[in-house]
Amino acid sequence: MLLDSKEGKSIRPLGCHAIGLLENLPKEGRYVLPGAALDKPFGGLPKAWSRITKNADLPGLTPHGLRHAFASVAADLGFTEPTIAAML
């Protein structure tokens, strides 16, 4: 349960694979997803996205471009639009 979200208190379901990944993360500091310093939470996507695209040698790729590419590949593989929407 999230005690403090944009909409207030809320429950967010997770699949067993996500739970497995979270359980196997290193348990250092008080945050599940720490920031650059263990005593600070992960602060947001812009800096992380820049680091990810730089390390992957994908300059200019935006989150929207990645979403579009994922949907296009899924459609090419024969997934239905409702299935693609659910995966996105």
PDB file of N, CA and C in Angstrom:
ATOM      1  N   MET A   1       0.844  -1.174   0.000  1.00  0.00           N
ATOM      2  CA  MET A   1       0.000   0.000   0.000  1.00  0.00           C
ATOM      3  C   MET A   1       0.893   1.242   0.000  1.00  0.00           C
ATOM      4  N   LEU A   2       0.520   2.213  -0.810  1.00  0.00           N
ATOM      5  CA  LEU A   2       1.199   3.507  -0.813  1.00  0.00           C
ATOM      6  C   LEU A   2       0.429   4.440   0.119  1.00  0.00           C
ATOM      7  N   LEU A   3       1.092   4.942   1.108  1.00  0.00           N
ATOM      8  CA  LEU A   3       0.422   5.826   2.051  1.00  0.00           C
ATOM      9  C   LEU A   3       0.320   7.245   1.534  1.00  0.00           C
ATOM     10  N   ASP A   4       1.242   7.622   0.635  1.00  0.00           N
ATOM     11  CA  ASP A   4       1.274   8.997   0.164  1.00  0.00           C
ATOM     12  C   ASP A   4       1.515   9.010  -1.337  1.00  0.00           C
ATOM     13  N   SER A   5       0.442   9.106  -2.110  1.00  0.00           N
ATOM     14  CA  SER A   5       0.558   9.212  -3.560  1.00  0.00           C
ATOM     15  C   SER A   5      -0.222  10.439  -4.010  1.00  0.00           C
ATOM     16  N   LYS A   6      -0.227  10.716  -5.290  1.00  0.00           N
ATOM     17  CA  LYS A   6      -0.954  11.890  -5.797  1.00  0.00           C
ATOM     18  C   LYS A   6      -2.430  11.831  -5.415  1.00  0.00           C
ATOM     19  N   GLU A   7      -2.970  10.613  -5.364  1.00  0.00           N
ATOM     20  CA  GLU A   7      -4.389  10.442  -5.045  1.00  0.00           C
ATOM     21  C   GLU A   7      -4.618  10.107  -3.577  1.00  0.00           C
ATOM     22  N   GLY A   8      -3.584  10.204  -2.752  1.00  0.00           N
ATOM     23  CA  GLY A   8      -3.690   9.821  -1.352  1.00  0.00           C
ATOM     24  C   GLY A   8      -3.315   8.361  -1.177  1.00  0.00           C
ATOM     25  N   LYS A   9      -3.860   7.728  -0.163  1.00  0.00           N
ATOM     26  CA  LYS A   9      -3.563   6.330   0.124  1.00  0.00           C
ATOM     27  C   LYS A   9      -4.129   5.456  -0.998  1.00  0.00           C
ATOM     28  N   SER A  10      -3.318   4.502  -1.516  1.00  0.00           N
ATOM     29  CA  SER A  10      -3.815   3.622  -2.570  1.00  0.00           C
ATOM     30  C   SER A  10      -3.078   2.285  -2.555  1.00  0.00           C
ATOM     31  N   ILE A  11      -3.750   1.280  -3.079  1.00  0.00           N
ATOM     32  CA  ILE A  11      -3.168  -0.045  -3.206  1.00  0.00           C
ATOM     33  C   ILE A  11      -2.845  -0.267  -4.670  1.00  0.00           C
ATOM     34  N   ARG A  12      -1.626  -0.713  -4.962  1.00  0.00           N
ATOM     35  CA  ARG A  12      -1.192  -0.973  -6.332  1.00  0.00           C
ATOM     36  C   ARG A  12      -0.830  -2.448  -6.449  1.00  0.00           C
ATOM     37  N   PRO A  13      -1.582  -3.200  -7.248  1.00  0.00           N
ATOM     38  CA  PRO A  13      -1.254  -4.622  -7.381  1.00  0.00           C
ATOM     39  C   PRO A  13       0.045  -4.836  -8.149  1.00  0.00           C
ATOM     40  N   LEU A  14       0.772  -5.885  -7.772  1.00  0.00           N
ATOM     41  CA  LEU A  14       2.009  -6.261  -8.454  1.00  0.00           C
ATOM     42  C   LEU A  14       1.926  -7.728  -8.830  1.00  0.00           C
ATOM     43  N   GLY A  15       2.477  -8.051  -9.997  1.00  0.00           N
ATOM     44  CA  GLY A  15       2.565  -9.443 -10.407  1.00  0.00           C
ATOM     45  C   GLY A  15       3.681 -10.149  -9.665  1.00  0.00           C
ATOM     46  N   CYS A  16       3.666 -11.482  -9.715  1.00  0.00           N
ATOM     47  CA  CYS A  16       4.659 -12.265  -8.973  1.00  0.00           C
ATOM     48  C   CYS A  16       6.078 -12.007  -9.480  1.00  0.00           C
ATOM     49  N   HIS A  17       6.238 -11.711 -10.770  1.00  0.00           N
ATOM     50  CA  HIS A  17       7.583 -11.428 -11.294  1.00  0.00           C
ATOM     51  C   HIS A  17       8.128 -10.121 -10.720  1.00  0.00           C
ATOM     52  N   ALA A  18       7.277  -9.104 -10.626  1.00  0.00           N
ATOM     53  CA  ALA A  18       7.709  -7.828 -10.048  1.00  0.00           C
ATOM     54  C   ALA A  18       8.065  -8.008  -8.579  1.00  0.00           C
ATOM     55  N   ILE A  19       7.264  -8.776  -7.873  1.00  0.00           N
ATOM     56  CA  ILE A  19       7.547  -9.025  -6.456  1.00  0.00           C
ATOM     57  C   ILE A  19       8.882  -9.750  -6.310  1.00  0.00           C
ATOM     58  N   GLY A  20       9.130 -10.740  -7.184  1.00  0.00           N
ATOM     59  CA  GLY A  20      10.402 -11.457  -7.147  1.00  0.00           C
ATOM     60  C   GLY A  20      11.588 -10.544  -7.378  1.00  0.00           C
ATOM     61  N   LEU A  21      11.443  -9.629  -8.348  1.00  0.00           N
ATOM     62  CA  LEU A  21      12.526  -8.677  -8.606  1.00  0.00           C
ATOM     63  C   LEU A  21      12.775  -7.788  -7.398  1.00  0.00           C
ATOM     64  N   LEU A  22      11.697  -7.289  -6.800  1.00  0.00           N
ATOM     65  CA  LEU A  22      11.845  -6.417  -5.637  1.00  0.00           C
ATOM     66  C   LEU A  22      12.466  -7.162  -4.458  1.00  0.00           C
ATOM     67  N   GLU A  23      12.077  -8.414  -4.262  1.00  0.00           N
ATOM     68  CA  GLU A  23      12.628  -9.188  -3.149  1.00  0.00           C
ATOM     69  C   GLU A  23      14.116  -9.452  -3.322  1.00  0.00           C
ATOM     70  N   ASN A  24      14.585  -9.481  -4.581  1.00  0.00           N
ATOM     71  CA  ASN A  24      15.994  -9.780  -4.837  1.00  0.00           C
ATOM     72  C   ASN A  24      16.884  -8.544  -4.953  1.00  0.00           C
ATOM     73  N   LEU A  25      16.307  -7.366  -4.786  1.00  0.00           N
ATOM     74  CA  LEU A  25      17.122  -6.148  -4.810  1.00  0.00           C
ATOM     75  C   LEU A  25      17.991  -6.094  -3.561  1.00  0.00           C
ATOM     76  N   PRO A  26      19.177  -5.496  -3.675  1.00  0.00           N
ATOM     77  CA  PRO A  26      19.999  -5.326  -2.470  1.00  0.00           C
ATOM     78  C   PRO A  26      19.237  -4.501  -1.443  1.00  0.00           C
ATOM     79  N   LYS A  27      19.319  -4.892  -0.201  1.00  0.00           N
ATOM     80  CA  LYS A  27      18.592  -4.195   0.861  1.00  0.00           C
ATOM     81  C   LYS A  27      19.567  -3.305   1.627  1.00  0.00           C
ATOM     82  N   GLU A  28      19.850  -2.164   1.041  1.00  0.00           N
ATOM     83  CA  GLU A  28      20.722  -1.184   1.673  1.00  0.00           C
ATOM     84  C   GLU A  28      19.928   0.097   1.844  1.00  0.00           C
ATOM     85  N   GLY A  29      20.004   0.705   2.977  1.00  0.00           N
ATOM     86  CA  GLY A  29      19.274   1.946   3.204  1.00  0.00           C
ATOM     87  C   GLY A  29      17.800   1.665   3.452  1.00  0.00           C
ATOM     88  N   ARG A  30      17.019   2.729   3.559  1.00  0.00           N
ATOM     89  CA  ARG A  30      15.605   2.567   3.912  1.00  0.00           C
ATOM     90  C   ARG A  30      14.679   2.560   2.711  1.00  0.00           C
ATOM     91  N   TYR A  31      15.188   2.837   1.504  1.00  0.00           N
ATOM     92  CA  TYR A  31      14.339   2.931   0.325  1.00  0.00           C
ATOM     93  C   TYR A  31      14.475   1.706  -0.566  1.00  0.00           C
ATOM     94  N   VAL A  32      13.362   1.266  -1.129  1.00  0.00           N
ATOM     95  CA  VAL A  32      13.382   0.148  -2.075  1.00  0.00           C
ATOM     96  C   VAL A  32      14.166   0.553  -3.320  1.00  0.00           C
ATOM     97  N   LEU A  33      13.936   1.748  -3.792  1.00  0.00           N
ATOM     98  CA  LEU A  33      14.651   2.291  -4.945  1.00  0.00           C
ATOM     99  C   LEU A  33      15.383   3.551  -4.493  1.00  0.00           C
ATOM    100  N   PRO A  34      16.606   3.400  -3.994  1.00  0.00           N
ATOM    101  CA  PRO A  34      17.331   4.572  -3.502  1.00  0.00           C
ATOM    102  C   PRO A  34      17.821   5.456  -4.647  1.00  0.00           C
ATOM    103  N   GLY A  35      18.100   6.691  -4.286  1.00  0.00           N
ATOM    104  CA  GLY A  35      18.691   7.613  -5.243  1.00  0.00           C
ATOM    105  C   GLY A  35      20.189   7.389  -5.314  1.00  0.00           C
ATOM    106  N   ALA A  36      20.899   8.392  -5.782  1.00  0.00           N
ATOM    107  CA  ALA A  36      22.360   8.285  -5.875  1.00  0.00           C
ATOM    108  C   ALA A  36      22.972   8.075  -4.493  1.00  0.00           C
ATOM    109  N   ALA A  37      22.353   8.656  -3.473  1.00  0.00           N
ATOM    110  CA  ALA A  37      22.769   8.440  -2.088  1.00  0.00           C
ATOM    111  C   ALA A  37      21.755   7.511  -1.432  1.00  0.00           C
ATOM    112  N   LEU A  38      22.226   6.533  -0.677  1.00  0.00           N
ATOM    113  CA  LEU A  38      21.337   5.540  -0.080  1.00  0.00           C
ATOM    114  C   LEU A  38      20.293   6.136   0.856  1.00  0.00           C
ATOM    115  N   ASP A  39      20.573   7.322   1.415  1.00  0.00           N
ATOM    116  CA  ASP A  39      19.624   7.931   2.344  1.00  0.00           C
ATOM    117  C   ASP A  39      18.586   8.807   1.644  1.00  0.00           C
ATOM    118  N   LYS A  40      18.590   8.809   0.314  1.00  0.00           N
ATOM    119  CA  LYS A  40      17.631   9.600  -0.472  1.00  0.00           C
ATOM    120  C   LYS A  40      16.860   8.665  -1.402  1.00  0.00           C
ATOM    121  N   PRO A  41      15.547   8.931  -1.610  1.00  0.00           N
ATOM    122  CA  PRO A  41      14.785   8.089  -2.529  1.00  0.00           C
ATOM    123  C   PRO A  41      15.104   8.420  -3.985  1.00  0.00           C
ATOM    124  N   PHE A  42      14.786   7.495  -4.879  1.00  0.00           N
ATOM    125  CA  PHE A  42      14.916   7.744  -6.313  1.00  0.00           C
ATOM    126  C   PHE A  42      14.079   8.971  -6.632  1.00  0.00           C
ATOM    127  N   GLY A  43      14.666   9.926  -7.322  1.00  0.00           N
ATOM    128  CA  GLY A  43      14.012  11.205  -7.512  1.00  0.00           C
ATOM    129  C   GLY A  43      13.241  11.397  -8.798  1.00  0.00           C
ATOM    130  N   GLY A  44      13.451  10.593  -9.788  1.00  0.00           N
ATOM    131  CA  GLY A  44      12.700  10.782 -11.006  1.00  0.00           C
ATOM    132  C   GLY A  44      13.412  10.240 -12.218  1.00  0.00           C
ATOM    133  N   LEU A  45      12.702  10.248 -13.315  1.00  0.00           N
ATOM    134  CA  LEU A  45      13.180   9.613 -14.524  1.00  0.00           C
ATOM    135  C   LEU A  45      14.168  10.429 -15.358  1.00  0.00           C
ATOM    136  N   PRO A  46      14.103  11.746 -15.430  1.00  0.00           N
ATOM    137  CA  PRO A  46      14.969  12.462 -16.381  1.00  0.00           C
ATOM    138  C   PRO A  46      16.461  12.145 -16.274  1.00  0.00           C
ATOM    139  N   LYS A  47      17.023  12.205 -15.089  1.00  0.00           N
ATOM    140  CA  LYS A  47      18.460  11.916 -14.953  1.00  0.00           C
ATOM    141  C   LYS A  47      18.742  10.444 -15.237  1.00  0.00           C
ATOM    142  N   ALA A  48      17.879   9.567 -14.726  1.00  0.00           N
ATOM    143  CA  ALA A  48      18.064   8.133 -14.964  1.00  0.00           C
ATOM    144  C   ALA A  48      17.936   7.828 -16.455  1.00  0.00           C
ATOM    145  N   TRP A  49      16.958   8.439 -17.123  1.00  0.00           N
ATOM    146  CA  TRP A  49      16.761   8.197 -18.556  1.00  0.00           C
ATOM    147  C   TRP A  49      17.993   8.624 -19.351  1.00  0.00           C
ATOM    148  N   SER A  50      18.546   9.751 -18.995  1.00  0.00           N
ATOM    149  CA  SER A  50      19.751  10.233 -19.665  1.00  0.00           C
ATOM    150  C   SER A  50      20.898   9.244 -19.489  1.00  0.00           C
ATOM    151  N   ARG A  51      21.061   8.736 -18.283  1.00  0.00           N
ATOM    152  CA  ARG A  51      22.118   7.765 -17.991  1.00  0.00           C
ATOM    153  C   ARG A  51      21.878   6.450 -18.743  1.00  0.00           C
ATOM    154  N   ILE A  52      20.625   5.985 -18.782  1.00  0.00           N
ATOM    155  CA  ILE A  52      20.285   4.729 -19.460  1.00  0.00           C
ATOM    156  C   ILE A  52      20.554   4.831 -20.958  1.00  0.00           C
ATOM    157  N   THR A  53      20.081   5.910 -21.587  1.00  0.00           N
ATOM    158  CA  THR A  53      20.267   6.037 -23.040  1.00  0.00           C
ATOM    159  C   THR A  53      21.731   6.245 -23.397  1.00  0.00           C
ATOM    160  N   LYS A  54      22.472   6.909 -22.539  1.00  0.00           N
ATOM    161  CA  LYS A  54      23.910   7.087 -22.791  1.00  0.00           C
ATOM    162  C   LYS A  54      24.623   5.742 -22.707  1.00  0.00           C
ATOM    163  N   ASN A  55      24.354   4.982 -21.658  1.00  0.00           N
ATOM    164  CA  ASN A  55      25.002   3.678 -21.476  1.00  0.00           C
ATOM    165  C   ASN A  55      24.601   2.681 -22.556  1.00  0.00           C
ATOM    166  N   ALA A  56      23.387   2.803 -23.081  1.00  0.00           N
ATOM    167  CA  ALA A  56      22.909   1.885 -24.117  1.00  0.00           C
ATOM    168  C   ALA A  56      23.239   2.390 -25.519  1.00  0.00           C
ATOM    169  N   ASP A  57      23.924   3.524 -25.612  1.00  0.00           N
ATOM    170  CA  ASP A  57      24.267   4.143 -26.896  1.00  0.00           C
ATOM    171  C   ASP A  57      23.025   4.352 -27.751  1.00  0.00           C
ATOM    172  N   LEU A  58      21.999   4.947 -27.135  1.00  0.00           N
ATOM    173  CA  LEU A  58      20.738   5.254 -27.820  1.00  0.00           C
ATOM    174  C   LEU A  58      20.429   6.750 -27.694  1.00  0.00           C
ATOM    175  N   PRO A  59      21.308   7.592 -28.238  1.00  0.00           N
ATOM    176  CA  PRO A  59      21.085   9.036 -28.101  1.00  0.00           C
ATOM    177  C   PRO A  59      19.783   9.453 -28.772  1.00  0.00           C
ATOM    178  N   GLY A  60      19.071  10.332 -28.132  1.00  0.00           N
ATOM    179  CA  GLY A  60      17.844  10.871 -28.713  1.00  0.00           C
ATOM    180  C   GLY A  60      16.601  10.041 -28.470  1.00  0.00           C
ATOM    181  N   LEU A  61      16.739   8.841 -27.909  1.00  0.00           N
ATOM    182  CA  LEU A  61      15.565   8.027 -27.631  1.00  0.00           C
ATOM    183  C   LEU A  61      14.807   8.634 -26.460  1.00  0.00           C
ATOM    184  N   THR A  62      13.512   8.813 -26.639  1.00  0.00           N
ATOM    185  CA  THR A  62      12.667   9.358 -25.581  1.00  0.00           C
ATOM    186  C   THR A  62      11.793   8.238 -25.014  1.00  0.00           C
ATOM    187  N   PRO A  63      11.240   8.433 -23.826  1.00  0.00           N
ATOM    188  CA  PRO A  63      10.302   7.428 -23.312  1.00  0.00           C
ATOM    189  C   PRO A  63       9.134   7.205 -24.284  1.00  0.00           C
ATOM    190  N   HIS A  64       8.658   8.270 -24.913  1.00  0.00           N
ATOM    191  CA  HIS A  64       7.571   8.131 -25.889  1.00  0.00           C
ATOM    192  C   HIS A  64       8.020   7.287 -27.085  1.00  0.00           C
ATOM    193  N   GLY A  65       9.236   7.510 -27.557  1.00  0.00           N
ATOM    194  CA  GLY A  65       9.763   6.727 -28.673  1.00  0.00           C
ATOM    195  C   GLY A  65       9.896   5.251 -28.313  1.00  0.00           C
ATOM    196  N   LEU A  66      10.330   4.969 -27.079  1.00  0.00           N
ATOM    197  CA  LEU A  66      10.435   3.583 -26.624  1.00  0.00           C
ATOM    198  C   LEU A  66       9.051   2.940 -26.553  1.00  0.00           C
ATOM    199  N   ARG A  67       8.082   3.670 -26.049  1.00  0.00           N
ATOM    200  CA  ARG A  67       6.698   3.168 -25.964  1.00  0.00           C
ATOM    201  C   ARG A  67       6.160   2.862 -27.350  1.00  0.00           C
ATOM    202  N   HIS A  68       6.392   3.771 -28.277  1.00  0.00           N
ATOM    203  CA  HIS A  68       5.921   3.585 -29.656  1.00  0.00           C
ATOM    204  C   HIS A  68       6.593   2.367 -30.298  1.00  0.00           C
ATOM    205  N   ALA A  69       7.898   2.232 -30.114  1.00  0.00           N
ATOM    206  CA  ALA A  69       8.624   1.093 -30.685  1.00  0.00           C
ATOM    207  C   ALA A  69       8.111  -0.220 -30.093  1.00  0.00           C
ATOM    208  N   PHE A  70       7.878  -0.249 -28.788  1.00  0.00           N
ATOM    209  CA  PHE A  70       7.355  -1.457 -28.135  1.00  0.00           C
ATOM    210  C   PHE A  70       6.004  -1.835 -28.729  1.00  0.00           C
ATOM    211  N   ALA A  71       5.113  -0.839 -28.862  1.00  0.00           N
ATOM    212  CA  ALA A  71       3.780  -1.110 -29.407  1.00  0.00           C
ATOM    213  C   ALA A  71       3.871  -1.591 -30.853  1.00  0.00           C
ATOM    214  N   SER A  72       4.757  -1.008 -31.639  1.00  0.00           N
ATOM    215  CA  SER A  72       4.912  -1.403 -33.038  1.00  0.00           C
ATOM    216  C   SER A  72       5.406  -2.839 -33.168  1.00  0.00           C
ATOM    217  N   VAL A  73       6.386  -3.197 -32.351  1.00  0.00           N
ATOM    218  CA  VAL A  73       6.912  -4.567 -32.393  1.00  0.00           C
ATOM    219  C   VAL A  73       5.834  -5.551 -31.943  1.00  0.00           C
ATOM    220  N   ALA A  74       5.105  -5.207 -30.882  1.00  0.00           N
ATOM    221  CA  ALA A  74       4.036  -6.084 -30.402  1.00  0.00           C
ATOM    222  C   ALA A  74       2.976  -6.288 -31.484  1.00  0.00           C
ATOM    223  N   ALA A  75       2.624  -5.222 -32.204  1.00  0.00           N
ATOM    224  CA  ALA A  75       1.645  -5.342 -33.286  1.00  0.00           C
ATOM    225  C   ALA A  75       2.188  -6.228 -34.404  1.00  0.00           C
ATOM    226  N   ASP A  76       3.461  -6.045 -34.744  1.00  0.00           N
ATOM    227  CA  ASP A  76       4.087  -6.884 -35.779  1.00  0.00           C
ATOM    228  C   ASP A  76       4.105  -8.362 -35.373  1.00  0.00           C
ATOM    229  N   LEU A  77       4.182  -8.618 -34.073  1.00  0.00           N
ATOM    230  CA  LEU A  77       4.199  -9.997 -33.574  1.00  0.00           C
ATOM    231  C   LEU A  77       2.796 -10.592 -33.457  1.00  0.00           C
ATOM    232  N   GLY A  78       1.776  -9.775 -33.750  1.00  0.00           N
ATOM    233  CA  GLY A  78       0.408 -10.282 -33.768  1.00  0.00           C
ATOM    234  C   GLY A  78      -0.396 -10.071 -32.500  1.00  0.00           C
ATOM    235  N   PHE A  79       0.121  -9.330 -31.539  1.00  0.00           N
ATOM    236  CA  PHE A  79      -0.658  -9.046 -30.347  1.00  0.00           C
ATOM    237  C   PHE A  79      -1.825  -8.130 -30.701  1.00  0.00           C
ATOM    238  N   THR A  80      -2.964  -8.303 -30.027  1.00  0.00           N
ATOM    239  CA  THR A  80      -4.136  -7.467 -30.284  1.00  0.00           C
ATOM    240  C   THR A  80      -3.938  -6.099 -29.646  1.00  0.00           C
ATOM    241  N   GLU A  81      -4.705  -5.118 -30.131  1.00  0.00           N
ATOM    242  CA  GLU A  81      -4.604  -3.765 -29.545  1.00  0.00           C
ATOM    243  C   GLU A  81      -4.933  -3.744 -28.058  1.00  0.00           C
ATOM    244  N   PRO A  82      -5.990  -4.448 -27.600  1.00  0.00           N
ATOM    245  CA  PRO A  82      -6.240  -4.450 -26.152  1.00  0.00           C
ATOM    246  C   PRO A  82      -5.088  -5.061 -25.337  1.00  0.00           C
ATOM    247  N   THR A  83      -4.448  -6.086 -25.884  1.00  0.00           N
ATOM    248  CA  THR A  83      -3.313  -6.703 -25.191  1.00  0.00           C
ATOM    249  C   THR A  83      -2.143  -5.728 -25.132  1.00  0.00           C
ATOM    250  N   ILE A  84      -1.873  -5.050 -26.262  1.00  0.00           N
ATOM    251  CA  ILE A  84      -0.791  -4.077 -26.295  1.00  0.00           C
ATOM    252  C   ILE A  84      -1.069  -2.946 -25.295  1.00  0.00           C
ATOM    253  N   ALA A  85      -2.298  -2.481 -25.283  1.00  0.00           N
ATOM    254  CA  ALA A  85      -2.665  -1.404 -24.340  1.00  0.00           C
ATOM    255  C   ALA A  85      -2.445  -1.846 -22.899  1.00  0.00           C
ATOM    256  N   ALA A  86      -2.802  -3.082 -22.586  1.00  0.00           N
ATOM    257  CA  ALA A  86      -2.612  -3.585 -21.213  1.00  0.00           C
ATOM    258  C   ALA A  86      -1.136  -3.700 -20.885  1.00  0.00           C
ATOM    259  N   MET A  87      -0.315  -4.122 -21.853  1.00  0.00           N
ATOM    260  CA  MET A  87       1.124  -4.230 -21.587  1.00  0.00           C
ATOM    261  C   MET A  87       1.761  -2.871 -21.428  1.00  0.00           C
ATOM    262  N   LEU A  88       1.281  -1.884 -22.166  1.00  0.00           N
ATOM    263  CA  LEU A  88       1.844  -0.541 -22.033  1.00  0.00           C
ATOM    264  C   LEU A  88       1.435   0.077 -20.698  1.00  0.00           C
TER     265      LEU A  88
END
